[in-house]
Amino acid sequence: MATPTSLPSSFTDNSVLTATQLNNLRGAFRILQVVSATTTTQVTNNTSTFADTNLTATITPSATSSKVLVLLSQNGCAKRTGNAANYIILQLLRGATVIATLENGGGYTNTNSDLFFGSIASAYLDSPATTTATTYKTQVKNNINGAGVEVNANSAVSTITLMEVSA
């Protein structure tokens, strides 16, 4: 498999590439496998402690040099509470390690009990440096202890896609 350092630093118009250059170009930064998972299971969290969202997927990289591109779309809503801004905080984990924290910055500041609907979408390029099965998952919490947040409310679909990218 080609590595970025074995590729030519530049190509010019109307030049002929060698077989080695073509093979290096063909092998670099390829998508080697794709794993995708969805969930519609509603999860409600009324605390400021992270809880699993049931959105999880596992991939087994073929080389320790491979990267994993994580594409995430998590549907959720936050309930209004008192005069405090209320919003969803989501974290992305590889195994038990937090690799990204994402916030749905929208929030409410009045006393109605309406819901703020939205989703958090993100792309994250990870370097797991392993060839063993690796699980990615999300967890959710509210920024205000006692206020409510929900993911996958009313069977909304959330998706996680993992792509192994050759390095």
C-alpha atoms as a PDB file:
ATOM      1  CA  MET A   1       0.000   0.000   0.000  1.00  0.00           C
ATOM      2  CA  ALA A   2       1.313   3.447  -0.860  1.00  0.00           C
ATOM      3  CA  THR A   3       1.994   6.022   1.778  1.00  0.00           C
ATOM      4  CA  PRO A   4       1.745   9.786   1.293  1.00  0.00           C
ATOM      5  CA  THR A   5       5.542  10.049   1.435  1.00  0.00           C
ATOM      6  CA  SER A   6       6.014   7.661  -1.502  1.00  0.00           C
ATOM      7  CA  LEU A   7       3.902   9.798  -3.827  1.00  0.00           C
ATOM      8  CA  PRO A   8       5.520  12.380  -6.107  1.00  0.00           C
ATOM      9  CA  SER A   9       5.506  15.885  -4.628  1.00  0.00           C
ATOM     10  CA  SER A  10       3.772  17.201  -7.755  1.00  0.00           C
ATOM     11  CA  PHE A  11       2.580  16.240 -11.215  1.00  0.00           C
ATOM     12  CA  THR A  12       2.705  18.442 -14.294  1.00  0.00           C
ATOM     13  CA  ASP A  13       0.388  18.653 -17.283  1.00  0.00           C
ATOM     14  CA  ASN A  14       1.272  16.471 -20.258  1.00  0.00           C
ATOM     15  CA  SER A  15       3.814  14.429 -18.316  1.00  0.00           C
ATOM     16  CA  VAL A  16       3.952  10.656 -18.420  1.00  0.00           C
ATOM     17  CA  LEU A  17       3.759   8.900 -15.097  1.00  0.00           C
ATOM     18  CA  THR A  18       5.805   5.817 -14.389  1.00  0.00           C
ATOM     19  CA  ALA A  19       4.112   2.568 -13.444  1.00  0.00           C
ATOM     20  CA  THR A  20       5.371   2.991  -9.865  1.00  0.00           C
ATOM     21  CA  GLN A  21       3.915   6.511  -9.646  1.00  0.00           C
ATOM     22  CA  LEU A  22       0.558   5.277 -10.955  1.00  0.00           C
ATOM     23  CA  ASN A  23       0.488   2.365  -8.502  1.00  0.00           C
ATOM     24  CA  ASN A  24       1.380   4.674  -5.610  1.00  0.00           C
ATOM     25  CA  LEU A  25      -1.318   7.135  -6.619  1.00  0.00           C
ATOM     26  CA  ARG A  26      -3.868   4.359  -7.044  1.00  0.00           C
ATOM     27  CA  GLY A  27      -3.201   2.871  -3.604  1.00  0.00           C
ATOM     28  CA  ALA A  28      -3.038   5.984  -1.454  1.00  0.00           C
ATOM     29  CA  PHE A  29      -5.994   7.303   0.535  1.00  0.00           C
ATOM     30  CA  ARG A  30      -8.369   4.575  -0.597  1.00  0.00           C
ATOM     31  CA  ILE A  31     -11.545   3.654   1.252  1.00  0.00           C
ATOM     32  CA  LEU A  32     -10.905   0.061   2.301  1.00  0.00           C
ATOM     33  CA  GLN A  33     -14.188  -0.722   4.058  1.00  0.00           C
ATOM     34  CA  VAL A  34     -17.382   0.953   5.199  1.00  0.00           C
ATOM     35  CA  VAL A  35     -19.478   0.045   8.252  1.00  0.00           C
ATOM     36  CA  SER A  36     -22.741   1.795   9.013  1.00  0.00           C
ATOM     37  CA  ALA A  37     -25.289   1.534  11.798  1.00  0.00           C
ATOM     38  CA  THR A  38     -28.523   3.265  12.738  1.00  0.00           C
ATOM     39  CA  THR A  39     -30.767   3.476  15.756  1.00  0.00           C
ATOM     40  CA  THR A  40     -34.289   4.714  16.389  1.00  0.00           C
ATOM     41  CA  THR A  41     -34.350   3.821  20.084  1.00  0.00           C
ATOM     42  CA  GLN A  42     -35.341   6.877  22.080  1.00  0.00           C
ATOM     43  CA  VAL A  43     -33.016   7.772  24.955  1.00  0.00           C
ATOM     44  CA  THR A  44     -33.951  10.427  27.526  1.00  0.00           C
ATOM     45  CA  ASN A  45     -31.405  11.932  29.898  1.00  0.00           C
ATOM     46  CA  ASN A  46     -32.386  14.390  32.647  1.00  0.00           C
ATOM     47  CA  THR A  47     -28.914  14.687  34.161  1.00  0.00           C
ATOM     48  CA  SER A  48     -25.595  16.318  33.367  1.00  0.00           C
ATOM     49  CA  THR A  49     -23.935  12.874  33.293  1.00  0.00           C
ATOM     50  CA  PHE A  50     -23.293  11.232  29.914  1.00  0.00           C
ATOM     51  CA  ALA A  51     -25.556   8.309  28.933  1.00  0.00           C
ATOM     52  CA  ASP A  52     -25.254   5.911  25.972  1.00  0.00           C
ATOM     53  CA  THR A  53     -27.456   6.737  22.966  1.00  0.00           C
ATOM     54  CA  ASN A  54     -27.521   3.197  21.488  1.00  0.00           C
ATOM     55  CA  LEU A  55     -25.730   4.545  18.386  1.00  0.00           C
ATOM     56  CA  THR A  56     -22.709   2.292  17.965  1.00  0.00           C
ATOM     57  CA  ALA A  57     -20.670   0.640  15.203  1.00  0.00           C
ATOM     58  CA  THR A  58     -17.585  -1.581  15.150  1.00  0.00           C
ATOM     59  CA  ILE A  59     -14.828  -1.721  12.532  1.00  0.00           C
ATOM     60  CA  THR A  60     -11.677  -3.833  12.307  1.00  0.00           C
ATOM     61  CA  PRO A  61      -8.938  -1.836  10.534  1.00  0.00           C
ATOM     62  CA  SER A  62      -6.716  -3.856   8.203  1.00  0.00           C
ATOM     63  CA  ALA A  63      -3.522  -1.950   9.104  1.00  0.00           C
ATOM     64  CA  THR A  64      -2.303   0.002  12.117  1.00  0.00           C
ATOM     65  CA  SER A  65      -1.549   2.933   9.791  1.00  0.00           C
ATOM     66  CA  SER A  66      -5.164   3.169   8.624  1.00  0.00           C
ATOM     67  CA  LYS A  67      -7.373   6.083   9.608  1.00  0.00           C
ATOM     68  CA  VAL A  68     -11.063   5.789  10.432  1.00  0.00           C
ATOM     69  CA  LEU A  69     -13.365   8.510   9.131  1.00  0.00           C
ATOM     70  CA  VAL A  70     -16.400   8.731  11.412  1.00  0.00           C
ATOM     71  CA  LEU A  71     -19.524  10.334   9.907  1.00  0.00           C
ATOM     72  CA  LEU A  72     -22.181  11.032  12.484  1.00  0.00           C
ATOM     73  CA  SER A  73     -25.757  12.291  12.402  1.00  0.00           C
ATOM     74  CA  GLN A  74     -27.474  12.223  15.786  1.00  0.00           C
ATOM     75  CA  ASN A  75     -31.057  13.494  16.071  1.00  0.00           C
ATOM     76  CA  GLY A  76     -32.141  15.007  19.333  1.00  0.00           C
ATOM     77  CA  CYS A  77     -34.117  17.599  21.216  1.00  0.00           C
ATOM     78  CA  ALA A  78     -33.761  19.642  24.377  1.00  0.00           C
ATOM     79  CA  LYS A  79     -36.637  20.696  26.608  1.00  0.00           C
ATOM     80  CA  ARG A  80     -36.976  24.276  27.780  1.00  0.00           C
ATOM     81  CA  THR A  81     -36.488  24.686  31.484  1.00  0.00           C
ATOM     82  CA  GLY A  82     -36.840  27.775  33.656  1.00  0.00           C
ATOM     83  CA  ASN A  83     -34.709  30.697  32.589  1.00  0.00           C
ATOM     84  CA  ALA A  84     -31.652  28.602  31.810  1.00  0.00           C
ATOM     85  CA  ALA A  85     -30.347  27.882  28.325  1.00  0.00           C
ATOM     86  CA  ASN A  86     -30.737  24.182  27.666  1.00  0.00           C
ATOM     87  CA  TYR A  87     -28.952  22.201  24.976  1.00  0.00           C
ATOM     88  CA  ILE A  88     -27.560  18.793  24.067  1.00  0.00           C
ATOM     89  CA  ILE A  89     -23.925  17.865  24.600  1.00  0.00           C
ATOM     90  CA  LEU A  90     -22.818  14.789  22.667  1.00  0.00           C
ATOM     91  CA  GLN A  91     -19.541  12.929  22.866  1.00  0.00           C
ATOM     92  CA  LEU A  92     -17.984  10.479  20.427  1.00  0.00           C
ATOM     93  CA  LEU A  93     -16.009   7.619  21.923  1.00  0.00           C
ATOM     94  CA  ARG A  94     -13.584   5.033  20.573  1.00  0.00           C
ATOM     95  CA  GLY A  95     -13.975   2.249  23.102  1.00  0.00           C
ATOM     96  CA  ALA A  96     -13.888   4.066  26.448  1.00  0.00           C
ATOM     97  CA  THR A  97     -11.839   7.003  25.125  1.00  0.00           C
ATOM     98  CA  VAL A  98     -13.606  10.279  24.339  1.00  0.00           C
ATOM     99  CA  ILE A  99     -12.308  11.510  20.981  1.00  0.00           C
ATOM    100  CA  ALA A 100     -14.702  14.421  20.330  1.00  0.00           C
ATOM    101  CA  THR A 101     -17.261  16.521  22.180  1.00  0.00           C
ATOM    102  CA  LEU A 102     -20.027  18.196  20.196  1.00  0.00           C
ATOM    103  CA  GLU A 103     -22.635  20.678  21.350  1.00  0.00           C
ATOM    104  CA  ASN A 104     -25.959  21.630  19.859  1.00  0.00           C
ATOM    105  CA  GLY A 105     -25.534  25.328  20.587  1.00  0.00           C
ATOM    106  CA  GLY A 106     -29.209  26.175  20.213  1.00  0.00           C
ATOM    107  CA  GLY A 107     -31.052  26.492  23.456  1.00  0.00           C
ATOM    108  CA  TYR A 108     -34.012  28.058  25.194  1.00  0.00           C
ATOM    109  CA  THR A 109     -34.116  30.777  27.789  1.00  0.00           C
ATOM    110  CA  ASN A 110     -37.803  31.035  28.706  1.00  0.00           C
ATOM    111  CA  THR A 111     -40.183  29.055  30.868  1.00  0.00           C
ATOM    112  CA  ASN A 112     -42.216  27.218  28.239  1.00  0.00           C
ATOM    113  CA  SER A 113     -41.953  23.453  28.069  1.00  0.00           C
ATOM    114  CA  ASP A 114     -41.532  23.309  24.297  1.00  0.00           C
ATOM    115  CA  LEU A 115     -38.812  21.257  22.686  1.00  0.00           C
ATOM    116  CA  PHE A 116     -35.892  22.453  20.593  1.00  0.00           C
ATOM    117  CA  PHE A 117     -35.370  19.928  17.800  1.00  0.00           C
ATOM    118  CA  GLY A 118     -32.152  19.571  15.928  1.00  0.00           C
ATOM    119  CA  SER A 119     -29.394  17.220  15.059  1.00  0.00           C
ATOM    120  CA  ILE A 120     -25.681  17.128  15.472  1.00  0.00           C
ATOM    121  CA  ALA A 121     -23.767  16.124  12.371  1.00  0.00           C
ATOM    122  CA  SER A 122     -20.025  15.727  12.363  1.00  0.00           C
ATOM    123  CA  ALA A 123     -17.092  14.155  10.562  1.00  0.00           C
ATOM    124  CA  TYR A 124     -14.069  13.063  12.578  1.00  0.00           C
ATOM    125  CA  LEU A 125     -10.853  11.501  11.266  1.00  0.00           C
ATOM    126  CA  ASP A 126      -9.442   9.131  13.871  1.00  0.00           C
ATOM    127  CA  SER A 127      -6.131   7.273  14.079  1.00  0.00           C
ATOM    128  CA  PRO A 128      -6.900   4.162  16.156  1.00  0.00           C
ATOM    129  CA  ALA A 129      -3.472   2.541  15.441  1.00  0.00           C
ATOM    130  CA  THR A 130      -4.834  -0.990  15.792  1.00  0.00           C
ATOM    131  CA  THR A 131      -5.993  -3.977  13.777  1.00  0.00           C
ATOM    132  CA  THR A 132      -8.412  -5.222  16.422  1.00  0.00           C
ATOM    133  CA  ALA A 133     -12.152  -4.647  16.406  1.00  0.00           C
ATOM    134  CA  THR A 134     -12.776  -1.037  17.426  1.00  0.00           C
ATOM    135  CA  THR A 135     -16.150   0.247  18.597  1.00  0.00           C
ATOM    136  CA  TYR A 136     -17.312   3.839  18.172  1.00  0.00           C
ATOM    137  CA  LYS A 137     -20.367   5.136  19.999  1.00  0.00           C
ATOM    138  CA  THR A 138     -22.055   8.325  21.150  1.00  0.00           C
ATOM    139  CA  GLN A 139     -23.208   9.490  24.554  1.00  0.00           C
ATOM    140  CA  VAL A 140     -25.494  12.406  25.421  1.00  0.00           C
ATOM    141  CA  LYS A 141     -26.070  14.703  28.356  1.00  0.00           C
ATOM    142  CA  ASN A 142     -27.767  17.964  29.128  1.00  0.00           C
ATOM    143  CA  ASN A 143     -25.822  21.064  29.984  1.00  0.00           C
ATOM    144  CA  ILE A 144     -28.215  21.640  32.935  1.00  0.00           C
ATOM    145  CA  ASN A 145     -28.705  18.945  35.568  1.00  0.00           C
ATOM    146  CA  GLY A 146     -32.425  18.155  35.820  1.00  0.00           C
ATOM    147  CA  ALA A 147     -33.420  19.466  32.408  1.00  0.00           C
ATOM    148  CA  GLY A 148     -34.341  16.958  29.730  1.00  0.00           C
ATOM    149  CA  VAL A 149     -32.662  15.965  26.491  1.00  0.00           C
ATOM    150  CA  GLU A 150     -33.731  13.205  24.133  1.00  0.00           C
ATOM    151  CA  VAL A 151     -32.141  11.513  21.164  1.00  0.00           C
ATOM    152  CA  ASN A 152     -34.088   9.617  18.516  1.00  0.00           C
ATOM    153  CA  ALA A 153     -37.367  11.005  19.859  1.00  0.00           C
ATOM    154  CA  ASN A 154     -40.430   9.637  18.067  1.00  0.00           C
ATOM    155  CA  SER A 155     -38.262   7.032  16.298  1.00  0.00           C
ATOM    156  CA  ALA A 156     -36.075   9.608  14.524  1.00  0.00           C
ATOM    157  CA  VAL A 157     -33.147   7.884  12.820  1.00  0.00           C
ATOM    158  CA  SER A 158     -29.564   8.543  13.876  1.00  0.00           C
ATOM    159  CA  THR A 159     -26.662   7.183  11.832  1.00  0.00           C
ATOM    160  CA  ILE A 160     -22.973   6.467  12.322  1.00  0.00           C
ATOM    161  CA  THR A 161     -20.752   5.486   9.387  1.00  0.00           C
ATOM    162  CA  LEU A 162     -17.168   4.307   9.756  1.00  0.00           C
ATOM    163  CA  MET A 163     -14.793   4.314   6.773  1.00  0.00           C
ATOM    164  CA  GLU A 164     -11.326   2.805   6.907  1.00  0.00           C
ATOM    165  CA  VAL A 165      -8.977   5.012   4.887  1.00  0.00           C
ATOM    166  CA  SER A 166      -5.583   3.687   3.818  1.00  0.00           C
ATOM    167  CA  ALA A 167      -2.670   5.864   4.872  1.00  0.00           C
END
